[in-house]
């Protein structure tokens, strides 16, 4: 067993957003898992997904949008998947905790 405290670090360029790397992944599938906490009114600026990306809302409420700019409400239990290269953004309406999983390859 390995025990480690994973402190949150402010994300440069995204005020009100703090993240912690939970897992760098394995060489077989290159999975990366991050925990992000977005304060009310904070957003992750629009950017392309480098890999397939799953954005899972653990707590709170917010909105997400992809290339088309259409906002969709999300809350605890919702998962959003963006494909590699797909432009996307997210906003927190309340304090929102999310797990972000990025991986290469298929589903």
N, C-alpha and C. Protein backbone atom coordinates (compact mmCIF):
# COMPACT_ATOMS: atom_id res chain seq x y z
N UNK A 1 0.84 -1.17 0.00
CA UNK A 1 0.00 0.00 0.00
C UNK A 1 0.89 1.23 0.00
N UNK A 2 0.44 2.24 -0.76
CA UNK A 2 1.12 3.52 -0.76
C UNK A 2 0.12 4.59 -0.35
N UNK A 3 0.48 5.40 0.60
CA UNK A 3 -0.36 6.50 1.04
C UNK A 3 0.33 7.80 0.67
N UNK A 4 -0.41 8.72 0.10
CA UNK A 4 0.18 10.00 -0.27
C UNK A 4 -0.89 11.08 -0.23
N UNK A 5 -0.52 12.21 0.32
CA UNK A 5 -1.43 13.35 0.30
C UNK A 5 -1.25 14.05 -1.04
N UNK A 6 -2.35 14.40 -1.69
CA UNK A 6 -2.32 15.04 -3.00
C UNK A 6 -2.89 16.44 -2.87
N UNK A 7 -2.07 17.43 -2.55
CA UNK A 7 -2.59 18.78 -2.39
C UNK A 7 -3.04 19.38 -3.72
N UNK A 8 -4.02 20.26 -3.64
CA UNK A 8 -4.49 20.98 -4.82
C UNK A 8 -3.55 22.14 -5.09
N UNK A 9 -3.28 22.41 -6.38
CA UNK A 9 -2.44 23.51 -6.80
C UNK A 9 -3.23 24.38 -7.75
N UNK A 10 -3.14 25.70 -7.57
CA UNK A 10 -3.84 26.61 -8.48
C UNK A 10 -3.39 26.39 -9.91
N UNK A 11 -4.34 26.39 -10.82
CA UNK A 11 -4.06 26.18 -12.23
C UNK A 11 -3.77 27.53 -12.89
N UNK A 12 -2.57 27.70 -13.44
CA UNK A 12 -2.20 28.95 -14.10
C UNK A 12 -3.17 29.27 -15.23
N UNK A 13 -3.60 30.52 -15.30
CA UNK A 13 -4.47 30.97 -16.38
C UNK A 13 -5.94 30.66 -16.17
N UNK A 14 -6.29 30.07 -15.02
CA UNK A 14 -7.69 29.74 -14.75
C UNK A 14 -8.00 30.09 -13.29
N UNK A 15 -8.24 31.36 -13.00
CA UNK A 15 -8.51 31.77 -11.62
C UNK A 15 -9.68 31.00 -11.02
N UNK A 16 -9.52 30.57 -9.78
CA UNK A 16 -10.57 29.84 -9.09
C UNK A 16 -10.57 28.35 -9.37
N UNK A 17 -9.56 27.86 -10.10
CA UNK A 17 -9.47 26.43 -10.43
C UNK A 17 -8.19 25.87 -9.81
N UNK A 18 -8.33 24.80 -9.03
CA UNK A 18 -7.18 24.12 -8.44
C UNK A 18 -7.25 22.65 -8.84
N UNK A 19 -6.07 22.05 -9.10
CA UNK A 19 -6.04 20.67 -9.56
C UNK A 19 -4.98 19.87 -8.80
N UNK A 20 -5.16 18.55 -8.83
CA UNK A 20 -4.19 17.63 -8.26
C UNK A 20 -4.09 16.41 -9.18
N UNK A 21 -2.88 16.07 -9.58
CA UNK A 21 -2.66 14.87 -10.40
C UNK A 21 -2.84 13.65 -9.51
N UNK A 22 -3.79 12.79 -9.86
CA UNK A 22 -4.04 11.59 -9.07
C UNK A 22 -3.25 10.40 -9.60
N UNK A 23 -3.07 10.32 -10.93
CA UNK A 23 -2.32 9.21 -11.51
C UNK A 23 -1.74 9.62 -12.85
N UNK A 24 -0.46 9.35 -13.05
CA UNK A 24 0.19 9.63 -14.34
C UNK A 24 -0.18 8.58 -15.38
N UNK A 25 -0.68 7.46 -14.92
CA UNK A 25 -1.08 6.42 -15.86
C UNK A 25 -0.01 5.37 -16.05
N UNK A 26 -0.27 4.51 -17.02
CA UNK A 26 0.64 3.42 -17.31
C UNK A 26 1.16 3.57 -18.72
N UNK A 27 2.23 2.92 -19.03
CA UNK A 27 2.76 2.99 -20.38
C UNK A 27 1.89 2.23 -21.36
N UNK A 28 1.13 1.25 -20.89
CA UNK A 28 0.29 0.46 -21.79
C UNK A 28 -0.83 1.28 -22.42
N UNK A 29 -1.51 2.10 -21.62
CA UNK A 29 -2.63 2.85 -22.17
C UNK A 29 -2.50 4.36 -21.99
N UNK A 30 -1.52 4.83 -21.26
CA UNK A 30 -1.31 6.26 -21.06
C UNK A 30 -2.55 6.94 -20.50
N UNK A 31 -2.96 6.54 -19.33
CA UNK A 31 -4.11 7.13 -18.66
C UNK A 31 -3.61 8.14 -17.64
N UNK A 32 -4.22 9.32 -17.64
CA UNK A 32 -3.90 10.35 -16.65
C UNK A 32 -5.20 10.71 -15.94
N UNK A 33 -5.16 10.81 -14.61
CA UNK A 33 -6.34 11.14 -13.83
C UNK A 33 -6.03 12.37 -12.98
N UNK A 34 -6.87 13.41 -13.09
CA UNK A 34 -6.72 14.63 -12.31
C UNK A 34 -7.99 14.88 -11.53
N UNK A 35 -7.85 15.53 -10.38
CA UNK A 35 -8.97 16.03 -9.61
C UNK A 35 -8.92 17.55 -9.72
N UNK A 36 -10.05 18.17 -10.06
CA UNK A 36 -10.11 19.63 -10.17
C UNK A 36 -11.24 20.16 -9.31
N UNK A 37 -10.99 21.27 -8.64
CA UNK A 37 -12.02 21.96 -7.87
C UNK A 37 -12.16 23.35 -8.47
N UNK A 38 -13.34 23.64 -9.00
CA UNK A 38 -13.63 24.94 -9.60
C UNK A 38 -14.52 25.71 -8.64
N UNK A 39 -14.11 26.91 -8.29
CA UNK A 39 -14.90 27.77 -7.41
C UNK A 39 -16.06 28.38 -8.21
N UNK A 40 -17.13 28.81 -7.54
CA UNK A 40 -18.26 29.43 -8.25
C UNK A 40 -17.78 30.57 -9.15
N UNK A 41 -18.20 30.54 -10.40
CA UNK A 41 -17.81 31.56 -11.37
C UNK A 41 -16.52 31.27 -12.11
N UNK A 42 -15.75 30.27 -11.66
CA UNK A 42 -14.49 29.92 -12.33
C UNK A 42 -14.76 29.10 -13.57
N UNK A 43 -13.80 29.14 -14.50
CA UNK A 43 -13.94 28.34 -15.72
C UNK A 43 -12.59 27.82 -16.17
N UNK A 44 -12.63 26.74 -16.91
CA UNK A 44 -11.45 26.25 -17.62
C UNK A 44 -11.56 26.86 -19.02
N UNK A 45 -10.59 27.68 -19.42
CA UNK A 45 -10.68 28.34 -20.72
C UNK A 45 -10.81 27.33 -21.87
N UNK A 46 -11.42 27.77 -22.96
CA UNK A 46 -11.61 26.90 -24.13
C UNK A 46 -10.25 26.43 -24.63
N UNK A 47 -10.15 25.12 -24.85
CA UNK A 47 -8.91 24.52 -25.32
C UNK A 47 -9.22 23.18 -25.99
N UNK A 48 -8.30 22.69 -26.84
CA UNK A 48 -8.53 21.40 -27.49
C UNK A 48 -8.16 20.25 -26.56
N UNK A 49 -8.92 19.18 -26.60
CA UNK A 49 -8.57 17.98 -25.85
C UNK A 49 -7.35 17.36 -26.53
N UNK A 50 -6.32 17.10 -25.76
CA UNK A 50 -5.12 16.49 -26.32
C UNK A 50 -5.33 15.01 -26.60
N UNK A 51 -6.17 14.40 -25.81
CA UNK A 51 -6.51 12.98 -25.92
C UNK A 51 -8.00 12.87 -25.65
N UNK A 52 -8.55 11.66 -25.81
CA UNK A 52 -9.93 11.47 -25.37
C UNK A 52 -9.98 11.86 -23.90
N UNK A 53 -10.99 12.63 -23.51
CA UNK A 53 -11.05 13.16 -22.15
C UNK A 53 -12.45 12.98 -21.57
N UNK A 54 -12.50 12.41 -20.37
CA UNK A 54 -13.76 12.26 -19.64
C UNK A 54 -13.72 13.24 -18.47
N UNK A 55 -14.78 14.02 -18.32
CA UNK A 55 -14.94 15.04 -17.29
C UNK A 55 -16.11 14.58 -16.43
N UNK A 56 -15.83 14.03 -15.24
CA UNK A 56 -16.87 13.46 -14.39
C UNK A 56 -17.11 14.38 -13.20
N UNK A 57 -18.36 14.84 -13.05
CA UNK A 57 -18.71 15.75 -11.96
C UNK A 57 -19.00 14.94 -10.70
N UNK A 58 -18.22 15.18 -9.65
CA UNK A 58 -18.40 14.48 -8.38
C UNK A 58 -19.37 15.26 -7.50
N UNK A 59 -19.17 16.57 -7.39
CA UNK A 59 -20.07 17.42 -6.60
C UNK A 59 -20.24 18.76 -7.31
N UNK A 60 -21.33 19.43 -7.01
CA UNK A 60 -21.56 20.78 -7.52
C UNK A 60 -22.32 20.80 -8.83
N UNK A 61 -22.45 22.03 -9.35
CA UNK A 61 -23.18 22.25 -10.60
C UNK A 61 -22.41 23.23 -11.47
N UNK A 62 -22.56 23.05 -12.77
CA UNK A 62 -21.90 23.94 -13.71
C UNK A 62 -22.42 23.73 -15.11
N UNK A 63 -21.59 24.15 -16.08
CA UNK A 63 -21.96 24.02 -17.48
C UNK A 63 -20.72 23.62 -18.28
N UNK A 64 -20.96 22.97 -19.41
CA UNK A 64 -19.90 22.59 -20.33
C UNK A 64 -20.32 22.96 -21.74
N UNK A 65 -19.33 23.13 -22.62
CA UNK A 65 -19.61 23.40 -24.03
C UNK A 65 -18.48 22.82 -24.87
N UNK A 66 -18.81 22.47 -26.09
CA UNK A 66 -17.82 21.94 -27.04
C UNK A 66 -17.64 22.95 -28.17
N UNK A 67 -17.20 22.48 -29.33
CA UNK A 67 -16.93 23.34 -30.49
C UNK A 67 -18.09 24.27 -30.84
N UNK A 68 -19.32 23.80 -30.70
CA UNK A 68 -20.48 24.58 -31.12
C UNK A 68 -20.83 25.72 -30.15
N UNK A 69 -20.20 25.74 -28.96
CA UNK A 69 -20.45 26.80 -28.00
C UNK A 69 -21.75 26.69 -27.23
N UNK A 70 -22.55 25.65 -27.49
CA UNK A 70 -23.82 25.47 -26.80
C UNK A 70 -23.53 24.98 -25.38
N UNK A 71 -24.05 25.70 -24.37
CA UNK A 71 -23.83 25.33 -22.98
C UNK A 71 -24.82 24.25 -22.54
N UNK A 72 -24.31 23.27 -21.81
CA UNK A 72 -25.13 22.19 -21.27
C UNK A 72 -24.91 22.14 -19.76
N UNK A 73 -26.00 22.12 -18.97
CA UNK A 73 -25.84 22.03 -17.52
C UNK A 73 -25.35 20.64 -17.11
N UNK A 74 -24.48 20.61 -16.09
CA UNK A 74 -24.00 19.35 -15.53
C UNK A 74 -24.02 19.46 -14.01
N UNK A 75 -24.15 18.33 -13.37
CA UNK A 75 -24.12 18.27 -11.91
C UNK A 75 -23.60 16.89 -11.52
N UNK A 76 -23.53 16.64 -10.21
CA UNK A 76 -22.98 15.38 -9.71
C UNK A 76 -23.58 14.18 -10.45
N UNK A 77 -22.69 13.30 -10.90
CA UNK A 77 -23.11 12.09 -11.60
C UNK A 77 -23.04 12.19 -13.11
N UNK A 78 -22.88 13.39 -13.65
CA UNK A 78 -22.78 13.56 -15.10
C UNK A 78 -21.35 13.36 -15.57
N UNK A 79 -21.19 12.70 -16.72
CA UNK A 79 -19.88 12.53 -17.35
C UNK A 79 -19.96 13.10 -18.76
N UNK A 80 -18.95 13.85 -19.12
CA UNK A 80 -18.85 14.43 -20.46
C UNK A 80 -17.59 13.87 -21.10
N UNK A 81 -17.68 13.44 -22.35
CA UNK A 81 -16.50 12.93 -23.05
C UNK A 81 -16.22 13.80 -24.26
N UNK A 82 -14.98 14.27 -24.37
CA UNK A 82 -14.54 15.05 -25.52
C UNK A 82 -13.52 14.23 -26.29
N UNK A 83 -13.59 14.28 -27.59
CA UNK A 83 -12.68 13.55 -28.46
C UNK A 83 -11.38 14.33 -28.65
N UNK A 84 -10.30 13.66 -29.05
CA UNK A 84 -9.03 14.36 -29.27
C UNK A 84 -9.22 15.52 -30.26
N UNK A 85 -8.67 16.67 -29.89
CA UNK A 85 -8.75 17.85 -30.74
C UNK A 85 -10.02 18.66 -30.58
N UNK A 86 -11.04 18.13 -29.92
CA UNK A 86 -12.31 18.84 -29.76
C UNK A 86 -12.14 20.01 -28.79
N UNK A 87 -12.49 21.21 -29.25
CA UNK A 87 -12.45 22.40 -28.40
C UNK A 87 -13.54 22.28 -27.35
N UNK A 88 -13.22 22.66 -26.09
CA UNK A 88 -14.21 22.56 -25.03
C UNK A 88 -13.87 23.51 -23.89
N UNK A 89 -14.88 23.77 -23.07
CA UNK A 89 -14.71 24.60 -21.90
C UNK A 89 -15.73 24.19 -20.85
N UNK A 90 -15.53 24.65 -19.62
CA UNK A 90 -16.47 24.36 -18.55
C UNK A 90 -16.49 25.53 -17.57
N UNK A 91 -17.63 25.70 -16.88
CA UNK A 91 -17.83 26.76 -15.90
C UNK A 91 -18.45 26.17 -14.66
N UNK A 92 -18.13 26.72 -13.49
CA UNK A 92 -18.73 26.29 -12.24
C UNK A 92 -19.77 27.32 -11.79
N UNK A 93 -20.98 26.86 -11.54
CA UNK A 93 -22.02 27.73 -10.98
C UNK A 93 -21.99 27.67 -9.46
N UNK A 94 -21.63 26.51 -8.92
CA UNK A 94 -21.38 26.33 -7.49
C UNK A 94 -19.98 25.71 -7.41
N UNK A 95 -19.44 25.55 -6.22
CA UNK A 95 -18.15 24.86 -6.14
C UNK A 95 -18.34 23.48 -6.76
N UNK A 96 -17.52 23.18 -7.74
CA UNK A 96 -17.69 21.94 -8.51
C UNK A 96 -16.39 21.14 -8.44
N UNK A 97 -16.51 19.91 -8.00
CA UNK A 97 -15.37 18.99 -7.96
C UNK A 97 -15.54 17.99 -9.09
N UNK A 98 -14.49 17.86 -9.91
CA UNK A 98 -14.55 16.96 -11.06
C UNK A 98 -13.30 16.08 -11.12
N UNK A 99 -13.46 14.90 -11.66
CA UNK A 99 -12.35 14.01 -11.97
C UNK A 99 -12.21 14.05 -13.49
N UNK A 100 -10.99 14.30 -13.96
CA UNK A 100 -10.71 14.39 -15.39
C UNK A 100 -9.80 13.22 -15.75
N UNK A 101 -10.28 12.37 -16.66
CA UNK A 101 -9.54 11.18 -17.10
C UNK A 101 -9.21 11.37 -18.57
N UNK A 102 -7.91 11.30 -18.88
CA UNK A 102 -7.47 11.44 -20.27
C UNK A 102 -6.76 10.16 -20.68
N UNK A 103 -7.11 9.68 -21.86
CA UNK A 103 -6.47 8.46 -22.33
C UNK A 103 -6.35 8.47 -23.85
N UNK A 104 -5.41 7.72 -24.34
CA UNK A 104 -5.25 7.53 -25.79
C UNK A 104 -6.00 6.29 -26.21
N UNK A 105 -6.38 6.26 -27.44
CA UNK A 105 -7.01 5.05 -27.97
C UNK A 105 -8.51 5.05 -27.84
N UNK A 106 -9.11 3.91 -28.07
CA UNK A 106 -10.57 3.76 -28.11
C UNK A 106 -11.20 3.73 -26.74
N UNK A 107 -12.50 3.42 -26.74
CA UNK A 107 -13.26 3.40 -25.51
C UNK A 107 -12.91 2.19 -24.72
